[in-house]
């Protein structure tokens, strides 16, 4: 079948697809590694693949082969039955998190994983304690519980009344967190690194204080690892940088290598509260998605990609710091592994557009933060290519600013 052209694809979208996304006038038809191609044959270096979903890059051969093999045997079976892939994936995730103390629940997305964690917290509160404290600028999903947990008013707009029981405090502010907790609070929920919030990284002493507070007040500590999990930061999970353990982890994005899968990992004593009938997911943990996730874990270990992520992240940071010496609009660079935020003194949207026109895909969040999450398989040559494009973009922006100031 002939692949339709860009105009044809966009026209079909415009006629039949609900317009709830700001879509670029580009139709992507192929991806491989760190690259993707549009319907007109243009190649892009993708440093924000699938909104951080394609952690191994596009169409990793091991994941593709696992999907093909599993699709020929069994794609889906309901959770009335056991399936070997789900059990194996649960063991692999448990062994890389809380070991024998961990149990897993599988779903289809990060939002669903957040909903499962919220329900588990309420089960732990036994209807007497139901409140959850989350962070300002957080992002946990678009379903009602996850959306309410998200500490951004723009996400809530138009959907009030929200789910009761949530409050928000500034990230890394322990005093504010203490004041927000009362006798009805059952959990604290946060991201180790706020992705949508601007690549804000937890302070190590702060999170140790939070862990002690949760222990003292018999509250759950929930870590949303949807963006930070599966090696993105150079460790399997972001929390492993801070010498503490949460009670519950939520996962999705890079877990399936592009296939839709989410998971909640909980310590055994908490997990047991989720008895039959308390929660479910029809498609969650089906053999196809689990086979893809198993292949992701195997590919990370076979390729020593955790170490590669640390190495490539440090290289990218150093090269960005060199750009900062030349372009004053670049401020703080926040980075852990291959999760990078570049703070600007100007709005970032135009720079993202300019980079895309030159063949580099990055993202802007919080108006002035350039966000990059290149795949763990990225090469140094690809980093050099990205930096060269960014230098062109910053040079053009600086020239425009100088012209504007001269005219003003």
Protein backbone atom coordinates (compact mmCIF):
# COMPACT_ATOMS: atom_id res chain seq x y z
CA UNK A 1 0.00 0.00 0.00
CA UNK A 2 1.32 3.43 -0.95
CA UNK A 3 2.01 5.72 2.01
CA UNK A 4 -0.19 8.83 1.75
CA UNK A 5 1.48 12.23 1.57
CA UNK A 6 1.57 14.86 4.28
CA UNK A 7 -1.37 16.87 2.93
CA UNK A 8 -3.55 13.78 2.61
CA UNK A 9 -2.74 12.63 6.14
CA UNK A 10 -3.42 16.05 7.63
CA UNK A 11 -6.68 16.45 5.72
CA UNK A 12 -7.89 13.08 7.01
CA UNK A 13 -6.95 14.04 10.58
CA UNK A 14 -8.71 17.38 10.30
CA UNK A 15 -11.91 15.70 9.16
CA UNK A 16 -12.11 12.73 11.55
CA UNK A 17 -9.84 13.19 14.61
CA UNK A 18 -10.89 15.28 17.62
CA UNK A 19 -8.71 18.36 17.81
CA UNK A 20 -7.49 18.07 21.39
CA UNK A 21 -3.80 18.30 20.43
CA UNK A 22 -1.73 21.13 19.03
CA UNK A 23 -0.35 19.19 16.08
CA UNK A 24 2.58 20.22 13.93
CA UNK A 25 2.00 20.21 10.15
CA UNK A 26 4.22 17.14 9.89
CA UNK A 27 3.26 13.47 9.41
CA UNK A 28 5.80 10.95 10.71
CA UNK A 29 5.87 7.64 8.86
CA UNK A 30 9.09 5.92 9.98
CA UNK A 31 11.47 5.76 12.93
CA UNK A 32 14.80 4.06 13.53
CA UNK A 33 17.08 4.64 16.49
CA UNK A 34 17.52 8.36 17.11
CA UNK A 35 15.94 9.33 13.78
CA UNK A 36 12.46 9.68 12.34
CA UNK A 37 11.21 10.56 8.85
CA UNK A 38 8.14 12.42 7.68
CA UNK A 39 5.89 11.59 4.75
CA UNK A 40 7.92 13.88 2.50
CA UNK A 41 11.16 12.04 3.29
CA UNK A 42 12.70 14.64 5.62
CA UNK A 43 14.88 13.18 8.39
CA UNK A 44 14.79 14.45 11.98
CA UNK A 45 17.18 13.78 14.85
CA UNK A 46 14.75 13.00 17.65
CA UNK A 47 15.89 14.21 21.08
CA UNK A 48 12.39 13.95 22.55
CA UNK A 49 11.19 10.62 21.13
CA UNK A 50 7.52 9.98 21.80
CA UNK A 51 7.51 12.40 24.76
CA UNK A 52 10.24 10.27 26.39
CA UNK A 53 8.46 7.00 25.53
CA UNK A 54 11.05 5.59 23.12
CA UNK A 55 13.87 5.25 25.64
CA UNK A 56 15.75 2.86 23.36
CA UNK A 57 15.04 4.96 20.30
CA UNK A 58 12.55 4.18 17.58
CA UNK A 59 11.92 0.53 16.67
CA UNK A 60 14.75 -1.08 18.65
CA UNK A 61 15.46 -4.41 16.89
CA UNK A 62 15.14 -6.50 20.06
CA UNK A 63 11.77 -4.97 20.91
CA UNK A 64 10.52 -5.31 17.33
CA UNK A 65 11.48 -9.00 17.25
CA UNK A 66 9.83 -9.66 20.63
CA UNK A 67 6.59 -8.05 19.41
CA UNK A 68 6.63 -10.03 16.17
CA UNK A 69 7.26 -13.30 17.95
CA UNK A 70 4.62 -12.73 20.62
CA UNK A 71 2.03 -11.52 18.08
CA UNK A 72 2.26 -14.90 16.37
CA UNK A 73 1.57 -16.79 19.61
CA UNK A 74 -0.81 -14.83 21.83
CA UNK A 75 -1.60 -11.12 21.70
CA UNK A 76 -4.13 -10.79 24.50
CA UNK A 77 -5.68 -12.86 27.24
CA UNK A 78 -7.81 -11.50 30.05
CA UNK A 79 -6.59 -11.39 33.62
CA UNK A 80 -8.88 -14.23 34.64
CA UNK A 81 -5.92 -16.36 33.59
CA UNK A 82 -2.21 -16.35 34.33
CA UNK A 83 0.17 -15.49 31.52
CA UNK A 84 3.87 -16.24 31.60
CA UNK A 85 5.01 -12.90 30.20
CA UNK A 86 3.26 -10.91 32.93
CA UNK A 87 4.76 -13.02 35.69
CA UNK A 88 8.23 -12.80 34.20
CA UNK A 89 8.04 -9.02 33.74
CA UNK A 90 6.80 -8.58 37.32
CA UNK A 91 9.78 -10.55 38.62
CA UNK A 92 12.22 -8.53 36.50
CA UNK A 93 10.81 -5.23 37.79
CA UNK A 94 10.71 -6.48 41.38
CA UNK A 95 14.33 -7.62 41.26
CA UNK A 96 15.41 -4.19 40.04
CA UNK A 97 13.39 -2.28 42.64
CA UNK A 98 12.33 -3.67 46.04
CA UNK A 99 13.44 -7.29 45.37
CA UNK A 100 11.36 -9.95 47.15
CA UNK A 101 9.30 -7.25 48.88
CA UNK A 102 7.74 -6.00 45.61
CA UNK A 103 4.55 -6.83 43.74
CA UNK A 104 3.35 -5.35 40.44
CA UNK A 105 0.06 -4.24 38.94
CA UNK A 106 -0.06 -3.69 35.16
CA UNK A 107 -2.14 -1.22 33.17
CA UNK A 108 -1.73 0.79 29.96
CA UNK A 109 -0.39 4.25 30.79
CA UNK A 110 1.17 6.52 33.36
CA UNK A 111 -2.18 8.06 34.21
CA UNK A 112 -3.64 4.61 34.92
CA UNK A 113 -0.63 3.76 37.08
CA UNK A 114 -1.19 6.99 39.04
CA UNK A 115 -4.87 6.11 39.49
CA UNK A 116 -3.88 2.69 40.84
CA UNK A 117 -1.47 4.30 43.30
CA UNK A 118 -4.12 6.77 44.46
CA UNK A 119 -6.62 3.96 45.02
CA UNK A 120 -4.00 1.91 46.86
CA UNK A 121 -3.31 4.86 49.15
CA UNK A 122 -6.99 5.20 49.92
CA UNK A 123 -7.19 1.50 50.72
CA UNK A 124 -4.31 2.01 53.13
CA UNK A 125 -6.20 4.88 54.74
CA UNK A 126 -9.24 2.66 55.43
CA UNK A 127 -11.64 5.53 54.59
CA UNK A 128 -10.38 7.51 57.59
CA UNK A 129 -7.30 8.93 55.89
CA UNK A 130 -7.63 9.90 52.26
CA UNK A 131 -5.65 13.08 51.63
CA UNK A 132 -2.59 13.12 49.38
CA UNK A 133 -0.01 15.91 49.15
CA UNK A 134 1.64 16.46 45.78
CA UNK A 135 4.01 19.06 44.38
CA UNK A 136 3.41 22.32 42.54
CA UNK A 137 4.41 22.03 38.84
CA UNK A 138 3.98 18.26 39.03
CA UNK A 139 2.37 16.18 36.31
CA UNK A 140 0.72 12.80 36.92
CA UNK A 141 -1.76 12.37 34.05
CA UNK A 142 -5.04 13.47 32.53
CA UNK A 143 -7.60 11.13 34.12
CA UNK A 144 -9.52 12.67 37.00
CA UNK A 145 -7.50 11.39 39.94
CA UNK A 146 -4.15 11.85 38.19
CA UNK A 147 -5.21 15.26 36.87
CA UNK A 148 -6.21 16.40 40.35
CA UNK A 149 -2.89 15.14 41.71
CA UNK A 150 -1.15 17.28 39.09
CA UNK A 151 -0.14 20.57 40.72
CA UNK A 152 -0.80 22.84 37.72
CA UNK A 153 -3.92 24.99 37.48
CA UNK A 154 -3.82 25.01 33.67
CA UNK A 155 -4.40 21.24 33.71
CA UNK A 156 -7.42 21.66 36.00
CA UNK A 157 -9.08 24.45 34.03
CA UNK A 158 -12.57 23.55 32.86
CA UNK A 159 -12.84 20.31 34.85
CA UNK A 160 -13.94 21.43 38.32
CA UNK A 161 -15.00 20.12 40.71
CA UNK A 162 -11.89 18.01 41.07
CA UNK A 163 -11.37 14.92 43.21
CA UNK A 164 -11.32 15.95 46.89
CA UNK A 165 -8.36 15.33 49.16
CA UNK A 166 -5.41 16.76 47.23
CA UNK A 167 -3.16 19.67 48.21
CA UNK A 168 -0.02 21.07 46.60
CA UNK A 169 3.23 22.38 48.03
CA UNK A 170 6.41 23.80 46.47
CA UNK A 171 8.97 21.24 45.29
CA UNK A 172 11.87 20.73 47.71
CA UNK A 173 10.18 22.79 50.48
CA UNK A 174 10.02 20.57 53.56
CA UNK A 175 8.48 23.18 55.85
CA UNK A 176 5.56 23.67 53.45
CA UNK A 177 5.08 19.91 53.22
CA UNK A 178 4.97 19.51 57.01
CA UNK A 179 2.32 22.23 57.28
CA UNK A 180 0.15 20.61 54.59
CA UNK A 181 -0.12 17.29 56.45
CA UNK A 182 -2.88 16.56 58.94
CA UNK A 183 -4.43 13.48 60.58
CA UNK A 184 -6.30 12.62 57.38
CA UNK A 185 -3.21 12.60 55.15
CA UNK A 186 -2.26 9.13 53.91
CA UNK A 187 0.40 9.79 51.26
CA UNK A 188 2.93 12.09 49.68
CA UNK A 189 3.27 11.75 45.91
CA UNK A 190 6.09 13.22 43.82
CA UNK A 191 8.39 12.81 40.84
CA UNK A 192 12.14 12.34 41.48
CA UNK A 193 12.61 14.81 38.63
CA UNK A 194 9.72 16.99 37.49
CA UNK A 195 9.66 16.56 33.72
CA UNK A 196 6.71 18.70 32.66
CA UNK A 197 7.55 21.02 35.55
CA UNK A 198 10.91 21.99 34.04
CA UNK A 199 13.45 19.23 34.88
CA UNK A 200 13.44 20.09 38.59
CA UNK A 201 15.54 17.57 40.53
CA UNK A 202 14.85 16.45 44.10
CA UNK A 203 17.22 17.65 46.78
CA UNK A 204 18.79 14.63 48.51
CA UNK A 205 18.40 15.93 52.06
CA UNK A 206 14.83 17.01 51.39
CA UNK A 207 13.74 13.56 50.26
CA UNK A 208 15.43 11.93 53.25
CA UNK A 209 13.42 14.26 55.48
CA UNK A 210 10.25 13.33 53.60
CA UNK A 211 10.97 9.63 54.01
CA UNK A 212 11.42 10.05 57.77
CA UNK A 213 8.23 12.10 57.99
CA UNK A 214 6.24 9.45 56.13
CA UNK A 215 7.60 6.77 58.44
CA UNK A 216 6.79 8.79 61.56
CA UNK A 217 3.25 9.62 60.40
CA UNK A 218 2.60 6.17 58.87
CA UNK A 219 2.05 7.63 55.42
CA UNK A 220 2.92 6.18 52.03
CA UNK A 221 5.63 7.74 49.89
CA UNK A 222 4.66 7.41 46.21
CA UNK A 223 7.18 8.12 43.46
CA UNK A 224 5.92 8.85 39.97
CA UNK A 225 8.69 7.32 37.84
CA UNK A 226 6.78 7.53 34.56
CA UNK A 227 9.48 9.72 33.00
CA UNK A 228 12.42 8.88 35.25
CA UNK A 229 12.05 5.09 35.30
CA UNK A 230 13.61 2.42 33.08
CA UNK A 231 17.12 3.85 33.05
CA UNK A 232 16.41 7.40 31.91
CA UNK A 233 18.61 8.86 34.68
CA UNK A 234 21.37 6.23 34.56
CA UNK A 235 19.75 4.04 37.21
CA UNK A 236 16.72 1.81 36.81
CA UNK A 237 14.63 4.24 38.84
CA UNK A 238 15.14 7.86 39.77
CA UNK A 239 14.70 7.22 43.49
CA UNK A 240 17.87 5.09 43.48
CA UNK A 241 19.95 8.28 43.30
CA UNK A 242 18.78 9.38 46.76
CA UNK A 243 19.53 6.45 49.11
CA UNK A 244 15.89 6.05 50.11
CA UNK A 245 13.04 3.83 49.00
CA UNK A 246 9.45 4.89 48.34
CA UNK A 247 6.58 2.54 49.13
CA UNK A 248 5.00 2.72 45.69
CA UNK A 249 6.37 3.44 42.19
CA UNK A 250 4.41 4.23 39.05
CA UNK A 251 5.86 3.45 35.61
CA UNK A 252 4.96 3.79 31.94
CA UNK A 253 6.53 5.66 28.97
CA UNK A 254 9.87 3.87 28.29
CA UNK A 255 8.72 0.62 29.90
CA UNK A 256 7.30 -0.82 26.66
CA UNK A 257 9.77 0.59 24.16
CA UNK A 258 6.88 2.30 22.36
CA UNK A 259 4.15 -0.21 23.20
CA UNK A 260 1.50 1.07 25.60
CA UNK A 261 2.06 -0.35 29.08
CA UNK A 262 1.98 1.06 32.60
CA UNK A 263 2.81 -0.47 35.95
CA UNK A 264 2.59 0.16 39.65
CA UNK A 265 5.19 -1.48 41.89
CA UNK A 266 4.37 -1.57 45.58
CA UNK A 267 6.05 -3.06 48.62
CA UNK A 268 4.43 -6.31 49.60
CA UNK A 269 2.69 -5.17 52.79
CA UNK A 270 0.98 -2.34 50.91
CA UNK A 271 0.33 -4.30 47.71
CA UNK A 272 -1.67 -6.92 49.58
CA UNK A 273 -4.36 -4.33 50.25
CA UNK A 274 -5.36 -4.49 46.58
CA UNK A 275 -7.49 -7.61 46.88
CA UNK A 276 -9.67 -9.08 44.08
CA UNK A 277 -12.41 -6.63 43.13
CA UNK A 278 -10.61 -3.47 44.28
CA UNK A 279 -9.04 -2.57 40.93
CA UNK A 280 -8.55 -3.93 37.41
CA UNK A 281 -7.42 -3.20 33.86
CA UNK A 282 -8.83 -5.16 30.92
CA UNK A 283 -5.77 -4.76 28.69
CA UNK A 284 -3.25 -4.38 31.51
CA UNK A 285 -0.33 -6.79 31.40
CA UNK A 286 -1.35 -8.54 28.21
CA UNK A 287 1.29 -10.85 26.65
CA UNK A 288 2.18 -8.52 23.77
CA UNK A 289 2.91 -5.47 25.95
CA UNK A 290 4.76 -7.54 28.54
CA UNK A 291 6.91 -9.20 25.87
CA UNK A 292 7.92 -5.75 24.64
CA UNK A 293 8.78 -4.59 28.17
CA UNK A 294 10.83 -7.73 28.85
CA UNK A 295 12.80 -7.03 25.67
CA UNK A 296 13.41 -3.43 26.83
CA UNK A 297 14.95 -4.62 30.11
CA UNK A 298 17.06 -7.22 28.33
CA UNK A 299 18.26 -4.67 25.75
CA UNK A 300 19.27 -2.20 28.47
CA UNK A 301 21.33 -4.83 30.26
CA UNK A 302 22.85 -6.44 27.18
CA UNK A 303 23.90 -3.04 25.85
CA UNK A 304 25.15 -1.75 29.24
CA UNK A 305 22.89 1.21 28.60
CA UNK A 306 22.66 2.43 32.20
CA UNK A 307 26.37 3.24 32.11
CA UNK A 308 26.01 4.64 28.58
CA UNK A 309 23.22 6.93 29.78
CA UNK A 310 25.47 8.42 32.46
CA UNK A 311 28.32 8.86 29.98
CA UNK A 312 26.24 10.39 27.18
CA UNK A 313 24.32 12.60 29.59
CA UNK A 314 27.59 14.03 30.93
CA UNK A 315 28.85 14.63 27.38
CA UNK A 316 25.65 16.43 26.40
CA UNK A 317 25.77 18.57 29.53
CA UNK A 318 29.39 19.60 28.93
CA UNK A 319 28.62 20.62 25.34
CA UNK A 320 25.57 22.60 26.48
CA UNK A 321 27.74 24.35 29.07
CA UNK A 322 30.11 25.35 26.25
CA UNK A 323 27.16 26.89 24.42
CA UNK A 324 26.20 28.76 27.58
CA UNK A 325 29.58 30.50 27.60
CA UNK A 326 28.77 31.91 24.16
CA UNK A 327 25.05 32.67 24.48
CA UNK A 328 23.90 34.67 27.56
CA UNK A 329 20.28 33.63 27.02
CA UNK A 330 21.20 30.18 28.37
CA UNK A 331 20.86 29.95 32.14
CA UNK A 332 20.88 26.96 34.47
CA UNK A 333 21.35 23.51 32.95
CA UNK A 334 19.63 20.78 34.95
CA UNK A 335 20.57 17.21 34.09
CA UNK A 336 20.53 13.69 35.44
CA UNK A 337 21.46 11.01 32.94
CA UNK A 338 19.65 11.71 29.67
CA UNK A 339 17.00 13.95 31.20
CA UNK A 340 18.07 17.51 30.49
CA UNK A 341 16.52 20.92 31.01
CA UNK A 342 18.05 24.16 29.72
CA UNK A 343 16.66 27.31 31.33
CA UNK A 344 16.42 30.33 29.04
CA UNK A 345 15.96 34.05 29.60
CA UNK A 346 13.68 34.10 26.54
CA UNK A 347 10.60 32.11 25.52
CA UNK A 348 11.62 28.75 24.11
CA UNK A 349 8.83 27.96 21.64
CA UNK A 350 10.43 29.76 18.70
CA UNK A 351 13.74 28.02 19.33
CA UNK A 352 12.01 24.62 19.32
CA UNK A 353 10.36 25.47 16.00
CA UNK A 354 13.65 26.66 14.52
CA UNK A 355 15.43 23.49 15.67
CA UNK A 356 12.73 21.32 14.10
CA UNK A 357 13.04 23.15 10.80
CA UNK A 358 16.76 22.33 10.89
CA UNK A 359 16.06 18.67 11.64
CA UNK A 360 16.26 18.45 15.47
CA UNK A 361 13.31 17.66 17.66
CA UNK A 362 13.37 19.01 21.22
CA UNK A 363 10.65 20.32 23.54
CA UNK A 364 9.85 23.44 25.53
CA UNK A 365 8.07 23.26 28.88
CA UNK A 366 7.11 25.96 31.40
CA UNK A 367 7.60 28.52 28.59
CA UNK A 368 11.37 28.94 29.07
CA UNK A 369 12.81 25.45 29.64
CA UNK A 370 14.19 23.51 26.69
CA UNK A 371 13.68 19.83 27.46
CA UNK A 372 15.65 16.95 25.95
CA UNK A 373 15.32 13.22 26.59
CA UNK A 374 17.42 11.57 23.86
CA UNK A 375 17.32 7.76 23.70
CA UNK A 376 19.75 5.70 25.76
CA UNK A 377 21.22 4.47 22.48
CA UNK A 378 22.20 7.98 21.30
CA UNK A 379 25.75 8.26 19.93
CA UNK A 380 28.32 10.98 20.52
CA UNK A 381 28.16 11.86 16.83
CA UNK A 382 24.41 12.40 17.15
CA UNK A 383 24.99 14.58 20.21
CA UNK A 384 27.50 16.63 18.21
CA UNK A 385 24.95 17.01 15.40
CA UNK A 386 22.28 18.17 17.87
CA UNK A 387 24.66 20.67 19.44
CA UNK A 388 25.58 22.06 16.01
CA UNK A 389 21.90 22.63 15.23
CA UNK A 390 21.30 24.22 18.62
CA UNK A 391 24.28 26.53 18.10
CA UNK A 392 22.75 27.69 14.82
CA UNK A 393 19.41 28.26 16.55
CA UNK A 394 20.97 30.23 19.43
CA UNK A 395 23.07 32.27 17.01
CA UNK A 396 19.99 33.24 15.00
CA UNK A 397 18.05 34.07 18.15
CA UNK A 398 20.90 36.20 19.51
CA UNK A 399 21.12 38.10 16.21
CA UNK A 400 17.37 38.77 16.28
CA UNK A 401 17.61 40.04 19.85
CA UNK A 402 20.49 42.32 18.95
CA UNK A 403 18.62 43.71 15.94
CA UNK A 404 15.49 44.26 18.02
CA UNK A 405 17.46 46.10 20.73
CA UNK A 406 19.19 48.25 18.14
CA UNK A 407 15.86 49.20 16.59
CA UNK A 408 14.19 49.77 19.94
